[in-house]
Structures are given as structure tokens and as C-alpha cells.
Amino acid sequence: MDFIKDMWLFMRERKKFWLAPLLVMLMLLGILIVLGGGTAVAPFIYSLF
């Protein structure tokens, strides 16, 4: 949780709020890959890339 807090403080201080959607999309993509890696949904996820 410290990483998220540090990222928020960095974005707020340097006015780089455009990073927020990028970080959210990267986190969602990571979660999708981790959860879909060992399931029956994996072939459908890999076809997206």
C-alpha cells in the first residue's frame, strides 16, 4: 500500500494526473493475466494479445 500512496503523492505534487488511467489499466491487465492464466478462459484471453 505504500507504493500506491507514494504514487498518489508523486502525481499530486508534480501535477501528473495523466498517469492515473495508465496505472489503472496496467493493474487491470495484470490481474486479468494472473487470474486467467490457469483457467479454461486462458485461450480466449491469449487470443486478445
PDB file of N, CA and C in Angstrom:
ATOM      1  N   MET A   1       0.814  -1.200   0.000  1.00  0.00           N
ATOM      2  CA  MET A   1       0.000   0.000   0.000  1.00  0.00           C
ATOM      3  C   MET A   1       0.857   1.264   0.000  1.00  0.00           C
ATOM      4  N   ASP A   2       2.080   1.145   0.459  1.00  0.00           N
ATOM      5  CA  ASP A   2       2.960   2.318   0.449  1.00  0.00           C
ATOM      6  C   ASP A   2       3.258   2.778  -0.971  1.00  0.00           C
ATOM      7  N   PHE A   3       3.347   1.816  -1.891  1.00  0.00           N
ATOM      8  CA  PHE A   3       3.620   2.163  -3.282  1.00  0.00           C
ATOM      9  C   PHE A   3       2.486   3.006  -3.865  1.00  0.00           C
ATOM     10  N   ILE A   4       1.255   2.623  -3.568  1.00  0.00           N
ATOM     11  CA  ILE A   4       0.103   3.370  -4.084  1.00  0.00           C
ATOM     12  C   ILE A   4       0.076   4.768  -3.482  1.00  0.00           C
ATOM     13  N   LYS A   5       0.351   4.851  -2.195  1.00  0.00           N
ATOM     14  CA  LYS A   5       0.385   6.161  -1.530  1.00  0.00           C
ATOM     15  C   LYS A   5       1.487   7.040  -2.117  1.00  0.00           C
ATOM     16  N   ASP A   6       2.655   6.450  -2.334  1.00  0.00           N
ATOM     17  CA  ASP A   6       3.768   7.213  -2.919  1.00  0.00           C
ATOM     18  C   ASP A   6       3.443   7.679  -4.338  1.00  0.00           C
ATOM     19  N   MET A   7       2.820   6.812  -5.123  1.00  0.00           N
ATOM     20  CA  MET A   7       2.450   7.203  -6.490  1.00  0.00           C
ATOM     21  C   MET A   7       1.444   8.347  -6.470  1.00  0.00           C
ATOM     22  N   TRP A   8       0.461   8.280  -5.572  1.00  0.00           N
ATOM     23  CA  TRP A   8      -0.525   9.349  -5.484  1.00  0.00           C
ATOM     24  C   TRP A   8       0.138  10.665  -5.085  1.00  0.00           C
ATOM     25  N   LEU A   9       1.031  10.624  -4.102  1.00  0.00           N
ATOM     26  CA  LEU A   9       1.718  11.840  -3.667  1.00  0.00           C
ATOM     27  C   LEU A   9       2.592  12.404  -4.790  1.00  0.00           C
ATOM     28  N   PHE A  10       3.251  11.517  -5.554  1.00  0.00           N
ATOM     29  CA  PHE A  10       4.060  11.955  -6.687  1.00  0.00           C
ATOM     30  C   PHE A  10       3.199  12.643  -7.736  1.00  0.00           C
ATOM     31  N   MET A  11       2.065  12.016  -8.073  1.00  0.00           N
ATOM     32  CA  MET A  11       1.192  12.593  -9.103  1.00  0.00           C
ATOM     33  C   MET A  11       0.605  13.928  -8.645  1.00  0.00           C
ATOM     34  N   ARG A  12       0.250  14.007  -7.377  1.00  0.00           N
ATOM     35  CA  ARG A  12      -0.332  15.246  -6.868  1.00  0.00           C
ATOM     36  C   ARG A  12       0.691  16.373  -6.823  1.00  0.00           C
ATOM     37  N   GLU A  13       1.908  16.054  -6.415  1.00  0.00           N
ATOM     38  CA  GLU A  13       2.942  17.083  -6.279  1.00  0.00           C
ATOM     39  C   GLU A  13       3.417  17.587  -7.637  1.00  0.00           C
ATOM     40  N   ARG A  14       3.588  16.683  -8.573  1.00  0.00           N
ATOM     41  CA  ARG A  14       4.140  17.054  -9.879  1.00  0.00           C
ATOM     42  C   ARG A  14       3.072  17.331 -10.927  1.00  0.00           C
ATOM     43  N   LYS A  15       1.799  17.261 -10.546  1.00  0.00           N
ATOM     44  CA  LYS A  15       0.668  17.521 -11.454  1.00  0.00           C
ATOM     45  C   LYS A  15       0.696  16.581 -12.666  1.00  0.00           C
ATOM     46  N   LYS A  16       0.928  15.312 -12.409  1.00  0.00           N
ATOM     47  CA  LYS A  16       0.982  14.314 -13.476  1.00  0.00           C
ATOM     48  C   LYS A  16      -0.203  13.359 -13.338  1.00  0.00           C
ATOM     49  N   PHE A  17      -1.397  13.922 -13.340  1.00  0.00           N
ATOM     50  CA  PHE A  17      -2.594  13.110 -13.159  1.00  0.00           C
ATOM     51  C   PHE A  17      -2.901  12.249 -14.376  1.00  0.00           C
ATOM     52  N   TRP A  18      -2.244  12.501 -15.496  1.00  0.00           N
ATOM     53  CA  TRP A  18      -2.449  11.674 -16.675  1.00  0.00           C
ATOM     54  C   TRP A  18      -1.904  10.262 -16.463  1.00  0.00           C
ATOM     55  N   LEU A  19      -1.085  10.068 -15.432  1.00  0.00           N
ATOM     56  CA  LEU A  19      -0.559   8.744 -15.148  1.00  0.00           C
ATOM     57  C   LEU A  19      -1.605   7.826 -14.511  1.00  0.00           C
ATOM     58  N   ALA A  20      -2.622   8.378 -13.890  1.00  0.00           N
ATOM     59  CA  ALA A  20      -3.605   7.567 -13.169  1.00  0.00           C
ATOM     60  C   ALA A  20      -4.320   6.567 -14.082  1.00  0.00           C
ATOM     61  N   PRO A  21      -4.886   6.968 -15.225  1.00  0.00           N
ATOM     62  CA  PRO A  21      -5.539   5.961 -16.074  1.00  0.00           C
ATOM     63  C   PRO A  21      -4.570   4.909 -16.595  1.00  0.00           C
ATOM     64  N   LEU A  22      -3.344   5.307 -16.855  1.00  0.00           N
ATOM     65  CA  LEU A  22      -2.342   4.358 -17.328  1.00  0.00           C
ATOM     66  C   LEU A  22      -2.056   3.303 -16.262  1.00  0.00           C
ATOM     67  N   LEU A  23      -1.890   3.727 -15.023  1.00  0.00           N
ATOM     68  CA  LEU A  23      -1.618   2.791 -13.937  1.00  0.00           C
ATOM     69  C   LEU A  23      -2.805   1.870 -13.680  1.00  0.00           C
ATOM     70  N   VAL A  24      -4.007   2.402 -13.765  1.00  0.00           N
ATOM     71  CA  VAL A  24      -5.206   1.582 -13.562  1.00  0.00           C
ATOM     72  C   VAL A  24      -5.303   0.513 -14.649  1.00  0.00           C
ATOM     73  N   MET A  25      -5.062   0.881 -15.890  1.00  0.00           N
ATOM     74  CA  MET A  25      -5.139  -0.089 -16.983  1.00  0.00           C
ATOM     75  C   MET A  25      -4.053  -1.160 -16.839  1.00  0.00           C
ATOM     76  N   LEU A  26      -2.862  -0.777 -16.425  1.00  0.00           N
ATOM     77  CA  LEU A  26      -1.796  -1.762 -16.220  1.00  0.00           C
ATOM     78  C   LEU A  26      -2.145  -2.728 -15.089  1.00  0.00           C
ATOM     79  N   MET A  27      -2.741  -2.225 -14.015  1.00  0.00           N
ATOM     80  CA  MET A  27      -3.147  -3.094 -12.919  1.00  0.00           C
ATOM     81  C   MET A  27      -4.243  -4.056 -13.357  1.00  0.00           C
ATOM     82  N   LEU A  28      -5.229  -3.566 -14.110  1.00  0.00           N
ATOM     83  CA  LEU A  28      -6.300  -4.440 -14.589  1.00  0.00           C
ATOM     84  C   LEU A  28      -5.767  -5.505 -15.545  1.00  0.00           C
ATOM     85  N   LEU A  29      -4.856  -5.135 -16.406  1.00  0.00           N
ATOM     86  CA  LEU A  29      -4.254  -6.092 -17.325  1.00  0.00           C
ATOM     87  C   LEU A  29      -3.472  -7.159 -16.554  1.00  0.00           C
ATOM     88  N   GLY A  30      -2.742  -6.760 -15.550  1.00  0.00           N
ATOM     89  CA  GLY A  30      -2.003  -7.710 -14.721  1.00  0.00           C
ATOM     90  C   GLY A  30      -2.915  -8.669 -13.993  1.00  0.00           C
ATOM     91  N   ILE A  31      -4.009  -8.158 -13.452  1.00  0.00           N
ATOM     92  CA  ILE A  31      -4.976  -9.006 -12.760  1.00  0.00           C
ATOM     93  C   ILE A  31      -5.611  -9.989 -13.732  1.00  0.00           C
ATOM     94  N   LEU A  32      -5.944  -9.525 -14.929  1.00  0.00           N
ATOM     95  CA  LEU A  32      -6.529 -10.394 -15.941  1.00  0.00           C
ATOM     96  C   LEU A  32      -5.586 -11.522 -16.314  1.00  0.00           C
ATOM     97  N   ILE A  33      -4.316 -11.219 -16.471  1.00  0.00           N
ATOM     98  CA  ILE A  33      -3.341 -12.248 -16.839  1.00  0.00           C
ATOM     99  C   ILE A  33      -3.131 -13.236 -15.698  1.00  0.00           C
ATOM    100  N   VAL A  34      -3.054 -12.748 -14.468  1.00  0.00           N
ATOM    101  CA  VAL A  34      -2.818 -13.638 -13.327  1.00  0.00           C
ATOM    102  C   VAL A  34      -4.010 -14.556 -13.104  1.00  0.00           C
ATOM    103  N   LEU A  35      -5.222 -14.002 -13.119  1.00  0.00           N
ATOM    104  CA  LEU A  35      -6.401 -14.815 -12.852  1.00  0.00           C
ATOM    105  C   LEU A  35      -6.751 -15.726 -14.019  1.00  0.00           C
ATOM    106  N   GLY A  36      -6.488 -15.297 -15.226  1.00  0.00           N
ATOM    107  CA  GLY A  36      -6.844 -16.105 -16.382  1.00  0.00           C
ATOM    108  C   GLY A  36      -5.777 -17.068 -16.821  1.00  0.00           C
ATOM    109  N   GLY A  37      -4.632 -17.063 -16.188  1.00  0.00           N
ATOM    110  CA  GLY A  37      -3.521 -17.914 -16.608  1.00  0.00           C
ATOM    111  C   GLY A  37      -3.755 -19.389 -16.415  1.00  0.00           C
ATOM    112  N   GLY A  38      -4.470 -19.775 -15.390  1.00  0.00           N
ATOM    113  CA  GLY A  38      -4.644 -21.195 -15.096  1.00  0.00           C
ATOM    114  C   GLY A  38      -6.065 -21.679 -15.237  1.00  0.00           C
ATOM    115  N   THR A  39      -6.902 -20.953 -15.919  1.00  0.00           N
ATOM    116  CA  THR A  39      -8.301 -21.366 -16.030  1.00  0.00           C
ATOM    117  C   THR A  39      -8.631 -21.761 -17.464  1.00  0.00           C
ATOM    118  N   ALA A  40      -9.869 -22.163 -17.667  1.00  0.00           N
ATOM    119  CA  ALA A  40     -10.337 -22.531 -19.007  1.00  0.00           C
ATOM    120  C   ALA A  40     -10.530 -21.304 -19.882  1.00  0.00           C
ATOM    121  N   VAL A  41     -10.457 -20.126 -19.297  1.00  0.00           N
ATOM    122  CA  VAL A  41     -10.636 -18.881 -20.042  1.00  0.00           C
ATOM    123  C   VAL A  41      -9.330 -18.458 -20.718  1.00  0.00           C
ATOM    124  N   ALA A  42      -8.237 -19.084 -20.356  1.00  0.00           N
ATOM    125  CA  ALA A  42      -6.913 -18.690 -20.840  1.00  0.00           C
ATOM    126  C   ALA A  42      -6.806 -18.614 -22.363  1.00  0.00           C
ATOM    127  N   PRO A  43      -7.318 -19.592 -23.127  1.00  0.00           N
ATOM    128  CA  PRO A  43      -7.192 -19.465 -24.589  1.00  0.00           C
ATOM    129  C   PRO A  43      -7.882 -18.228 -25.157  1.00  0.00           C
ATOM    130  N   PHE A  44      -8.971 -17.821 -24.533  1.00  0.00           N
ATOM    131  CA  PHE A  44      -9.684 -16.640 -25.008  1.00  0.00           C
ATOM    132  C   PHE A  44      -8.935 -15.356 -24.657  1.00  0.00           C
ATOM    133  N   ILE A  45      -8.286 -15.340 -23.494  1.00  0.00           N
ATOM    134  CA  ILE A  45      -7.517 -14.165 -23.083  1.00  0.00           C
ATOM    135  C   ILE A  45      -6.283 -14.023 -23.983  1.00  0.00           C
ATOM    136  N   TYR A  46      -5.610 -15.136 -24.246  1.00  0.00           N
ATOM    137  CA  TYR A  46      -4.388 -15.069 -25.062  1.00  0.00           C
ATOM    138  C   TYR A  46      -4.688 -14.680 -26.496  1.00  0.00           C
ATOM    139  N   SER A  47      -5.903 -14.955 -26.968  1.00  0.00           N
ATOM    140  CA  SER A  47      -6.239 -14.570 -28.330  1.00  0.00           C
ATOM    141  C   SER A  47      -6.412 -13.049 -28.452  1.00  0.00           C
ATOM    142  N   LEU A  48      -6.611 -12.366 -27.334  1.00  0.00           N
ATOM    143  CA  LEU A  48      -6.730 -10.912 -27.356  1.00  0.00           C
ATOM    144  C   LEU A  48      -5.390 -10.248 -27.656  1.00  0.00           C
ATOM    145  N   PHE A  49      -4.301 -10.924 -27.320  1.00  0.00           N
ATOM    146  CA  PHE A  49      -2.979 -10.338 -27.488  1.00  0.00           C
ATOM    147  C   PHE A  49      -2.314 -10.946 -28.689  1.00  0.00           C
TER     148      PHE A  49
END
